[in-house]
N, C-alpha and C. Protein backbone atom coordinates (compact mmCIF):
# COMPACT_ATOMS: atom_id res chain seq x y z
N MET A 1 0.86 -1.21 -0.03
CA MET A 1 -0.03 -0.08 0.00
C MET A 1 0.86 1.29 0.07
N SER A 2 0.65 2.17 -0.97
CA SER A 2 1.60 3.41 -1.08
C SER A 2 1.26 4.45 0.00
N THR A 3 0.23 4.25 0.79
CA THR A 3 -0.04 5.28 1.84
C THR A 3 1.04 5.30 2.91
N ASN A 4 1.90 4.45 3.07
CA ASN A 4 2.89 4.42 4.17
C ASN A 4 4.28 5.10 3.80
N SER A 5 4.37 5.73 2.65
CA SER A 5 5.62 6.23 2.17
C SER A 5 5.69 7.73 2.27
N ASN A 6 6.58 8.35 3.23
CA ASN A 6 6.70 9.71 3.23
C ASN A 6 8.16 10.03 3.07
N THR A 7 8.97 9.12 2.40
CA THR A 7 10.37 9.39 2.34
C THR A 7 10.69 10.48 1.28
N SER A 8 9.90 10.57 0.42
CA SER A 8 10.12 11.70 -0.72
C SER A 8 9.14 12.65 -0.58
N ASN A 9 9.35 13.84 0.00
CA ASN A 9 8.27 14.81 0.15
C ASN A 9 8.39 16.04 -0.63
N ASN A 10 7.30 16.53 -1.23
CA ASN A 10 7.45 17.82 -1.96
C ASN A 10 7.39 18.93 -0.99
N SER A 11 6.78 18.85 0.09
CA SER A 11 6.70 19.89 1.02
C SER A 11 6.50 19.43 2.43
N GLN A 12 7.15 20.22 3.42
CA GLN A 12 7.07 19.71 4.85
C GLN A 12 7.12 20.80 5.70
N THR A 13 6.43 20.73 6.79
CA THR A 13 6.43 21.90 7.87
C THR A 13 7.33 21.33 8.97
N GLN A 14 7.95 22.08 9.81
CA GLN A 14 8.74 21.84 10.82
C GLN A 14 7.96 22.16 12.13
N PRO A 15 8.38 21.62 13.27
CA PRO A 15 7.63 21.94 14.55
C PRO A 15 7.73 23.40 14.76
N SER A 16 6.55 23.86 15.36
CA SER A 16 6.42 25.31 15.62
C SER A 16 7.36 25.75 16.75
N ASN A 17 7.65 24.87 17.68
CA ASN A 17 8.65 25.10 18.72
C ASN A 17 9.37 23.80 19.14
N ASN A 18 10.26 23.93 20.10
CA ASN A 18 11.04 22.82 20.46
C ASN A 18 10.16 21.74 21.19
N ASN A 19 8.98 22.09 21.75
CA ASN A 19 8.16 21.25 22.47
C ASN A 19 7.20 20.53 21.61
N ASP A 20 7.04 20.91 20.46
CA ASP A 20 6.09 20.36 19.39
C ASP A 20 6.66 19.47 18.39
N ASN A 21 6.62 18.24 18.61
CA ASN A 21 7.15 17.27 17.58
C ASN A 21 6.09 16.78 16.59
N SER A 22 5.44 17.80 15.97
CA SER A 22 4.46 17.54 14.93
C SER A 22 4.98 18.03 13.54
N TYR A 23 4.87 17.21 12.53
CA TYR A 23 5.31 17.49 11.21
C TYR A 23 4.14 17.18 10.33
N SER A 24 4.13 17.86 9.05
CA SER A 24 3.08 17.51 8.10
C SER A 24 3.75 17.92 6.75
N GLY A 25 3.04 17.48 5.66
CA GLY A 25 3.54 17.68 4.44
C GLY A 25 2.61 16.94 3.41
N VAL A 26 3.17 17.00 2.19
CA VAL A 26 2.66 16.22 1.05
C VAL A 26 3.65 15.40 0.44
N ASN A 27 3.36 14.09 0.24
CA ASN A 27 4.38 13.16 -0.27
C ASN A 27 4.46 13.37 -1.78
N ASP A 28 5.31 12.58 -2.37
CA ASP A 28 5.45 12.61 -3.93
C ASP A 28 4.22 12.20 -4.65
N GLN A 29 3.35 11.50 -4.00
CA GLN A 29 2.10 11.01 -4.67
C GLN A 29 0.93 11.94 -4.38
N GLY A 30 1.22 13.08 -3.80
CA GLY A 30 0.15 14.18 -3.57
C GLY A 30 -0.68 13.88 -2.47
N ASN A 31 -0.32 12.89 -1.46
CA ASN A 31 -1.07 12.59 -0.38
C ASN A 31 -0.51 13.32 0.86
N SER A 32 -1.55 13.94 1.58
CA SER A 32 -1.15 14.75 2.85
C SER A 32 -0.84 13.75 4.02
N TRP A 33 0.17 14.09 4.92
CA TRP A 33 0.58 13.41 6.00
C TRP A 33 0.89 14.21 7.09
N THR A 34 0.63 13.67 8.31
CA THR A 34 0.99 14.33 9.55
C THR A 34 1.60 13.35 10.46
N HIS A 35 2.66 13.63 11.17
CA HIS A 35 3.42 12.81 11.98
C HIS A 35 3.58 13.55 13.40
N HIS A 36 3.37 12.79 14.35
CA HIS A 36 3.39 13.29 15.79
C HIS A 36 4.57 12.44 16.59
N GLY A 37 5.48 13.02 17.22
CA GLY A 37 6.41 12.24 17.92
C GLY A 37 7.76 12.30 17.15
N ASP A 38 8.75 11.40 17.80
CA ASP A 38 10.10 11.46 17.18
C ASP A 38 10.25 10.37 16.18
N SER A 39 9.45 9.37 16.05
CA SER A 39 9.55 8.22 15.10
C SER A 39 8.28 7.61 14.74
N VAL A 40 8.21 6.75 13.90
CA VAL A 40 7.10 5.97 13.49
C VAL A 40 6.90 4.67 14.29
N ALA A 41 7.76 4.52 15.25
CA ALA A 41 7.64 3.31 16.09
C ALA A 41 6.40 3.53 17.11
N PRO A 42 6.02 2.39 17.70
CA PRO A 42 4.93 2.60 18.75
C PRO A 42 5.35 3.69 19.82
N GLY A 43 4.41 4.45 20.15
CA GLY A 43 4.80 5.73 20.94
C GLY A 43 4.65 6.95 20.27
N SER A 44 4.71 6.89 18.91
CA SER A 44 4.42 8.02 17.98
C SER A 44 3.19 7.67 17.19
N SER A 45 2.69 8.68 16.53
CA SER A 45 1.65 8.43 15.57
C SER A 45 1.72 9.20 14.31
N TYR A 46 1.14 8.66 13.31
CA TYR A 46 1.03 9.43 12.17
C TYR A 46 -0.36 9.11 11.34
N HIS A 47 -0.65 10.09 10.38
CA HIS A 47 -1.88 10.04 9.61
C HIS A 47 -1.71 10.41 8.24
N TYR A 48 -2.31 9.73 7.26
CA TYR A 48 -2.29 10.01 5.86
C TYR A 48 -3.57 10.30 5.44
N SER A 49 -3.92 11.33 4.67
CA SER A 49 -5.09 11.60 4.07
C SER A 49 -4.81 11.52 2.56
N ASN A 50 -5.37 10.60 1.87
CA ASN A 50 -4.95 10.25 0.45
C ASN A 50 -5.94 10.90 -0.49
N LYS A 51 -5.38 11.31 -1.63
CA LYS A 51 -6.16 11.95 -2.78
C LYS A 51 -7.48 11.11 -3.16
N ASN A 52 -7.49 9.78 -2.92
CA ASN A 52 -8.62 8.99 -3.26
C ASN A 52 -9.60 8.83 -2.13
N ASP A 53 -9.49 9.79 -1.21
CA ASP A 53 -10.35 9.83 0.08
C ASP A 53 -10.11 8.65 1.03
N SER A 54 -9.15 7.90 0.83
CA SER A 54 -8.82 6.97 1.81
C SER A 54 -7.86 7.60 2.96
N TYR A 55 -7.76 7.00 4.05
CA TYR A 55 -6.89 7.50 5.09
C TYR A 55 -6.35 6.34 5.97
N TYR A 56 -5.11 6.68 6.62
CA TYR A 56 -4.43 5.73 7.34
C TYR A 56 -3.85 6.43 8.69
N TYR A 57 -4.07 5.68 9.69
CA TYR A 57 -3.50 6.16 10.97
C TYR A 57 -2.59 5.03 11.61
N GLN A 58 -1.51 5.50 12.30
CA GLN A 58 -0.92 4.74 13.25
C GLN A 58 -0.95 5.44 14.68
N ASN A 59 -1.63 4.81 15.65
CA ASN A 59 -1.89 5.31 16.90
C ASN A 59 -0.57 5.13 17.87
N PRO A 60 -0.46 6.04 18.86
CA PRO A 60 0.65 5.96 19.78
C PRO A 60 0.80 4.51 20.36
N ASP A 61 -0.09 3.72 20.46
CA ASP A 61 0.05 2.28 21.05
C ASP A 61 0.42 1.38 19.88
N GLY A 62 0.73 1.83 18.68
CA GLY A 62 1.16 0.90 17.57
C GLY A 62 0.02 0.29 16.84
N SER A 63 -1.18 0.48 17.26
CA SER A 63 -2.32 0.04 16.41
C SER A 63 -2.51 0.82 15.15
N THR A 64 -3.08 0.21 14.16
CA THR A 64 -3.32 1.04 12.89
C THR A 64 -4.79 0.88 12.50
N TYR A 65 -5.13 1.93 11.68
CA TYR A 65 -6.43 2.00 11.11
C TYR A 65 -6.37 2.48 9.72
N TYR A 66 -7.04 1.81 8.85
CA TYR A 66 -7.11 2.16 7.52
C TYR A 66 -8.53 2.23 6.99
N ASN A 67 -8.96 3.31 6.27
CA ASN A 67 -10.29 3.36 5.63
C ASN A 67 -10.02 3.68 4.23
N ASP A 68 -10.57 2.82 3.27
CA ASP A 68 -10.44 2.94 1.90
C ASP A 68 -11.22 4.10 1.28
N GLY A 69 -12.01 4.83 2.08
CA GLY A 69 -12.75 5.94 1.50
C GLY A 69 -14.09 5.48 0.98
N LYS A 70 -14.33 4.36 0.93
CA LYS A 70 -15.62 3.71 0.26
C LYS A 70 -16.45 3.03 1.30
N GLY A 71 -16.20 3.25 2.56
CA GLY A 71 -16.85 2.51 3.62
C GLY A 71 -16.34 1.33 4.21
N ASN A 72 -15.22 0.90 3.74
CA ASN A 72 -14.43 -0.29 4.20
C ASN A 72 -13.35 0.19 5.09
N SER A 73 -13.15 -0.52 6.22
CA SER A 73 -12.04 -0.10 7.08
C SER A 73 -11.39 -1.27 7.73
N THR A 74 -10.21 -1.18 8.21
CA THR A 74 -9.43 -2.29 8.93
C THR A 74 -8.70 -1.65 10.05
N TYR A 75 -8.95 -2.29 11.17
CA TYR A 75 -8.26 -1.86 12.41
C TYR A 75 -7.30 -3.04 12.80
N LYS A 76 -6.09 -2.86 13.20
CA LYS A 76 -5.18 -3.90 13.62
C LYS A 76 -4.53 -3.36 14.97
N ARG A 77 -4.76 -4.11 16.01
CA ARG A 77 -4.13 -3.70 17.31
C ARG A 77 -2.83 -4.19 17.34
N ASN A 78 -2.07 -3.53 18.23
CA ASN A 78 -0.61 -3.93 18.43
C ASN A 78 -0.47 -4.95 19.58
N ASP A 79 -0.33 -6.17 19.26
CA ASP A 79 -0.39 -7.27 20.33
C ASP A 79 1.02 -7.41 20.94
N ASN A 80 2.05 -6.56 20.59
CA ASN A 80 3.36 -6.81 21.01
C ASN A 80 3.67 -6.04 22.30
N LYS A 81 2.66 -5.62 23.02
CA LYS A 81 2.79 -4.81 24.15
C LYS A 81 2.95 -5.69 25.32
């Protein structure tokens, strides 16, 4: 699934201050993303809003949620805790 790639970004914002570890931007596929925390490992979270109306979340506990924009969704909990 291409929603997980933010390694090549056309635009990106930096934290507004040293206490705010929130970043956002648009990847090379034109999908918006927001990342909260220092990494994409459990304990941080990120969100993709895709051009096809689908969206994807990773929650701070490592669980993930995907909605295809057509009424279908998948939730996966992190059982490694």
